[in-house]
Protein backbone atom coordinates (compact mmCIF):
# COMPACT_ATOMS: atom_id res chain seq x y z
CA MET A 1 15.43 52.96 -17.06
CA ALA A 2 15.60 50.17 -14.51
CA ASP A 3 12.51 48.76 -12.83
CA SER A 4 11.43 49.98 -9.43
CA LEU A 5 13.35 48.33 -6.58
CA GLU A 6 11.91 47.04 -3.32
CA LEU A 7 13.88 49.49 -1.20
CA PRO A 8 13.28 49.75 2.56
CA ALA A 9 12.00 52.70 4.56
CA LEU A 10 14.87 54.56 6.22
CA GLY A 11 15.18 54.84 9.98
CA ALA A 12 17.19 57.18 12.18
CA ARG A 13 20.12 54.89 13.13
CA LEU A 14 22.56 56.25 10.54
CA SER A 15 22.85 59.38 8.43
CA VAL A 16 20.56 59.31 5.40
CA ARG A 17 23.63 58.91 3.21
CA GLY A 18 24.79 55.93 5.29
CA GLN A 19 21.38 54.30 5.30
CA VAL A 20 21.03 54.69 1.54
CA ALA A 21 24.51 53.23 0.99
CA HIS A 22 23.68 50.19 3.16
CA ALA A 23 20.38 49.62 1.34
CA LEU A 24 21.99 49.94 -2.08
CA ARG A 25 24.79 47.53 -1.18
CA ALA A 26 22.16 45.04 -0.06
CA ALA A 27 20.23 45.51 -3.32
CA LEU A 28 23.45 44.92 -5.25
CA VAL A 29 24.29 41.73 -3.35
CA ALA A 30 20.74 40.40 -3.65
CA GLY A 31 20.89 40.94 -7.39
CA GLN A 32 18.01 43.41 -7.43
CA MET A 33 20.36 45.96 -8.99
CA ARG A 34 21.79 44.31 -12.10
CA PRO A 35 24.95 44.91 -14.14
CA GLY A 36 24.18 46.89 -17.29
CA GLU A 37 21.25 48.76 -15.74
CA VAL A 38 21.59 52.53 -15.30
CA TYR A 39 20.21 53.96 -12.06
CA SER A 40 19.69 57.68 -11.61
CA ALA A 41 19.98 59.37 -8.22
CA PRO A 42 16.62 61.22 -8.56
CA THR A 43 14.77 57.99 -9.41
CA LEU A 44 16.28 56.13 -6.48
CA ALA A 45 15.68 59.11 -4.21
CA ALA A 46 11.98 59.09 -5.08
CA GLN A 47 11.80 55.42 -4.08
CA PHE A 48 13.58 56.11 -0.79
CA GLY A 49 11.46 59.18 -0.12
CA VAL A 50 14.50 61.44 0.31
CA SER A 51 16.25 64.14 -1.70
CA ALA A 52 18.64 63.24 -4.49
CA THR A 53 21.72 64.63 -2.72
CA PRO A 54 22.30 61.87 -0.12
CA VAL A 55 21.53 59.24 -2.75
CA ARG A 56 24.09 60.75 -5.12
CA GLU A 57 26.63 60.91 -2.27
CA ALA A 58 25.92 57.27 -1.34
CA MET A 59 26.34 56.19 -4.97
CA LEU A 60 29.69 57.99 -5.11
CA ASP A 61 30.72 56.03 -2.02
CA LEU A 62 29.86 52.86 -3.93
CA VAL A 63 31.91 54.12 -6.89
CA LYS A 64 34.95 54.40 -4.59
CA GLU A 65 34.30 50.83 -3.44
CA GLY A 66 34.23 49.64 -7.05
CA LEU A 67 30.61 48.47 -6.80
CA VAL A 68 29.19 50.89 -9.39
CA GLU A 69 30.55 53.22 -12.04
CA THR A 70 29.37 56.61 -13.17
CA VAL A 71 27.59 57.05 -16.50
CA ARG A 72 27.99 60.63 -17.69
CA ASN A 73 24.74 62.63 -17.59
CA LYS A 74 22.72 59.51 -16.81
CA GLY A 75 23.56 58.06 -13.41
CA PHE A 76 25.32 54.93 -12.20
CA ARG A 77 25.81 51.43 -13.57
CA VAL A 78 26.48 48.33 -11.47
CA THR A 79 29.99 46.98 -11.98
CA GLU A 80 29.96 43.55 -13.59
CA LEU A 81 32.04 40.75 -12.10
CA SER A 82 32.91 37.52 -13.85
CA GLU A 83 32.03 34.13 -12.39
CA GLN A 84 35.75 33.57 -11.77
CA GLU A 85 36.05 36.86 -9.88
CA LEU A 86 33.08 35.92 -7.69
CA ASP A 87 34.60 32.49 -7.05
CA ASN A 88 37.88 34.15 -6.07
CA LEU A 89 36.14 36.51 -3.63
CA THR A 90 34.38 33.56 -2.01
CA GLU A 91 37.65 31.66 -1.70
CA ILE A 92 39.19 34.60 0.14
CA ARG A 93 36.18 34.76 2.45
CA GLN A 94 36.56 31.06 3.24
CA LEU A 95 40.23 31.55 4.10
CA ILE A 96 39.46 34.45 6.44
CA GLU A 97 36.05 33.79 7.93
CA VAL A 98 36.18 30.07 8.65
CA PRO A 99 39.17 30.07 11.05
CA THR A 100 38.21 33.43 12.53
CA THR A 101 34.67 32.30 13.32
CA VAL A 102 36.04 29.17 15.00
CA ARG A 103 38.32 31.39 17.13
CA VAL A 104 35.22 33.14 18.45
CA ILE A 105 34.65 30.06 20.63
CA ASP A 106 37.69 31.14 22.69
CA VAL A 107 36.49 34.69 23.36
CA ALA A 108 32.68 34.82 23.20
CA THR A 109 30.96 35.40 26.54
CA ALA A 110 27.44 34.44 27.52
CA GLU A 111 26.54 38.12 27.19
CA ASP A 112 27.94 38.24 23.66
CA LEU A 113 25.86 35.25 22.59
CA ALA A 114 22.75 36.63 24.26
CA ARG A 115 23.22 39.88 22.30
CA LEU A 116 23.69 38.04 19.01
CA ARG A 117 20.72 35.66 19.33
CA PRO A 118 18.02 38.27 18.55
CA MET A 119 20.06 39.26 15.49
CA ALA A 120 20.20 35.64 14.33
CA GLN A 121 16.47 35.23 14.87
CA ARG A 122 15.77 38.42 12.94
CA ILE A 123 17.50 36.89 9.90
CA VAL A 124 15.10 33.94 10.13
CA ASP A 125 12.14 36.32 10.47
CA VAL A 126 12.98 38.37 7.37
CA ALA A 127 13.66 35.17 5.40
CA GLN A 128 10.15 34.03 6.29
CA GLU A 129 8.86 37.47 5.27
CA LYS A 130 10.75 37.10 1.94
CA ASP A 131 12.40 40.50 2.46
CA LEU A 132 15.67 40.10 0.55
CA ILE A 133 17.09 43.55 1.24
CA ALA A 134 16.52 43.11 4.98
CA TYR A 135 17.94 39.58 4.79
CA ILE A 136 21.20 40.77 3.24
CA GLU A 137 21.55 43.65 5.70
CA HIS A 138 20.79 41.61 8.84
CA ASP A 139 23.04 38.79 7.59
CA ARG A 140 25.86 41.30 7.09
CA GLN A 141 25.37 42.83 10.53
CA PHE A 142 25.32 39.44 12.25
CA HIS A 143 28.50 38.12 10.66
CA LEU A 144 30.47 41.33 11.17
CA GLU A 145 29.34 41.55 14.81
CA LEU A 146 30.36 37.92 15.30
CA LEU A 147 33.79 38.45 13.76
CA SER A 148 34.29 41.68 15.72
CA LEU A 149 34.47 39.64 18.93
CA ILE A 150 38.02 38.71 17.90
CA GLY A 151 39.01 42.37 18.20
CA ASN A 152 40.55 42.88 14.74
CA SER A 153 38.76 45.83 13.14
CA HIS A 154 40.84 45.61 9.95
CA LEU A 155 39.68 42.03 9.40
CA VAL A 156 36.05 43.03 9.94
CA THR A 157 36.38 45.88 7.44
CA LEU A 158 37.95 43.59 4.85
CA VAL A 159 35.22 40.96 5.24
CA GLY A 160 32.58 43.68 4.91
CA GLU A 161 34.16 44.79 1.64
CA LEU A 162 34.32 41.24 0.30
CA ARG A 163 30.68 40.60 1.22
CA ALA A 164 29.60 43.81 -0.55
CA LYS A 165 31.13 42.52 -3.78
CA SER A 166 29.14 39.25 -3.70
CA ARG A 167 26.25 38.73 -6.12
CA LEU A 168 23.43 36.42 -5.02
CA PHE A 169 21.14 36.29 -8.02
CA GLY A 170 19.41 33.13 -6.78
CA LEU A 171 17.96 34.68 -3.61
CA THR A 172 14.66 35.72 -5.16
CA ARG A 173 13.83 32.16 -6.16
CA LEU A 174 14.93 30.80 -2.79
CA ALA A 175 12.78 33.32 -0.95
CA GLU A 176 9.76 32.52 -3.08
CA THR A 177 10.11 28.75 -2.49
CA GLY A 178 10.89 29.06 1.22
CA GLU A 179 14.35 27.56 0.74
CA LEU A 180 16.01 30.64 2.22
CA VAL A 181 14.65 29.89 5.72
CA PRO A 182 16.92 26.85 6.38
CA SER A 183 19.92 28.96 5.39
CA ALA A 184 18.75 31.69 7.77
CA GLN A 185 18.45 29.15 10.59
CA GLU A 186 22.13 28.34 10.20
CA HIS A 187 22.90 31.60 12.03
CA VAL A 188 21.11 30.34 15.13
CA ALA A 189 22.95 27.02 14.79
CA MET A 190 26.29 28.86 14.69
CA LEU A 191 25.61 30.39 18.08
CA ASP A 192 24.56 27.01 19.47
CA LEU A 193 27.85 25.49 18.29
CA ILE A 194 29.87 28.37 19.73
CA GLU A 195 28.09 27.97 23.05
CA ALA A 196 28.79 24.22 22.98
CA GLY A 197 32.46 24.78 22.06
CA ASP A 198 32.07 22.50 19.04
CA ARG A 199 34.98 23.58 16.82
CA GLN A 200 34.62 20.89 14.18
CA GLY A 201 30.87 21.36 13.89
CA LEU A 202 31.23 25.14 13.65
CA GLU A 203 33.95 24.87 11.02
CA ARG A 204 31.80 22.57 8.87
CA LEU A 205 28.79 24.83 9.21
CA ILE A 206 30.50 28.14 8.44
CA ARG A 207 32.34 26.59 5.49
CA ALA A 208 29.07 25.30 4.05
CA HIS A 209 27.31 28.58 4.89
CA ILE A 210 29.83 30.66 2.93
CA GLY A 211 29.72 28.03 0.19
CA HIS A 212 26.06 28.92 -0.39
CA VAL A 213 27.30 32.24 -1.81
CA ARG A 214 28.49 30.50 -4.96
CA GLY A 215 25.94 27.69 -4.73
CA ARG A 216 22.21 27.94 -4.34
CA TRP A 217 22.28 31.58 -3.14
CA ALA A 218 23.81 32.46 -6.49
CA GLY A 219 21.38 30.28 -8.43
CA ARG A 220 23.92 27.51 -9.05
CA ALA A 221 23.97 23.86 -8.03
CA GLU A 222 26.11 23.30 -4.95
CA GLN A 223 28.81 20.66 -4.80
CA PRO A 224 28.57 17.86 -2.23
CA GLY A 225 29.61 19.14 1.19
CA GLU A 226 28.63 22.75 0.45
C-alpha cells in the first residue's frame, strides 16, 4: 500500500467530494501520488478525516477525467503518462494560455488586479511554507481566475483539465531547496506586467512560467529561455 500523503485539512468552501477531488488532483500533479501505486478509498478517507463515500465518489470523478483507473477490489491507480504525452500537453497549454493571458491586459480592471494580488501572494507564502498541495491548488486557482477575465468559460475549463494532467515530480526537491519561491513570485510579476500594459514582457514571462512544467518543476533541466 502507498505511503501516507501530506493531504490538507478540508474546509467548508466546497462539498466534501469536491474538496477531496481538488486535493487529490493537486497530489497527482505534485507527484505525491505516483503511477503504479494503488490507493484505497478507506485509507485516503482516514487521512482526510472523512468517510470513505465522498473519497470514493471523488476518485470516480478522477476516473472519468482519465487521471486514475480502477483496480478491482483494491482501489485506484494513477494513470501513467509518457514524457511525450506530457510534452504534448504543455505545448497545448502554451498555445492557449500565452496569448490569452496577454489579452487580459485589454480587459483587466484595477479591481480585478486588486482581487488577484492576495491570491498571487498566497502562492508565494505556501511556497515558503513548502506546502506542495497548497501550492498546486493556489496556483491553479490563480491562473484560472486570471484567464476567466477573458469571459470564455470553455477555455478556462479546458486549461483546468490540461493542468490536472500535468506531473511535476521535481516540486519536492525545489520546495526543499527554496527554489520554488522564485517561481511563485512570478505570479506577482504577471500582475505587475498586466498593470503596466507590458505585452512583450508578459508574453515572455508566461511562456517561461509554463515552460517550468516540463523543466525544473518536472525535475528536468530547462532549455535556455525557459
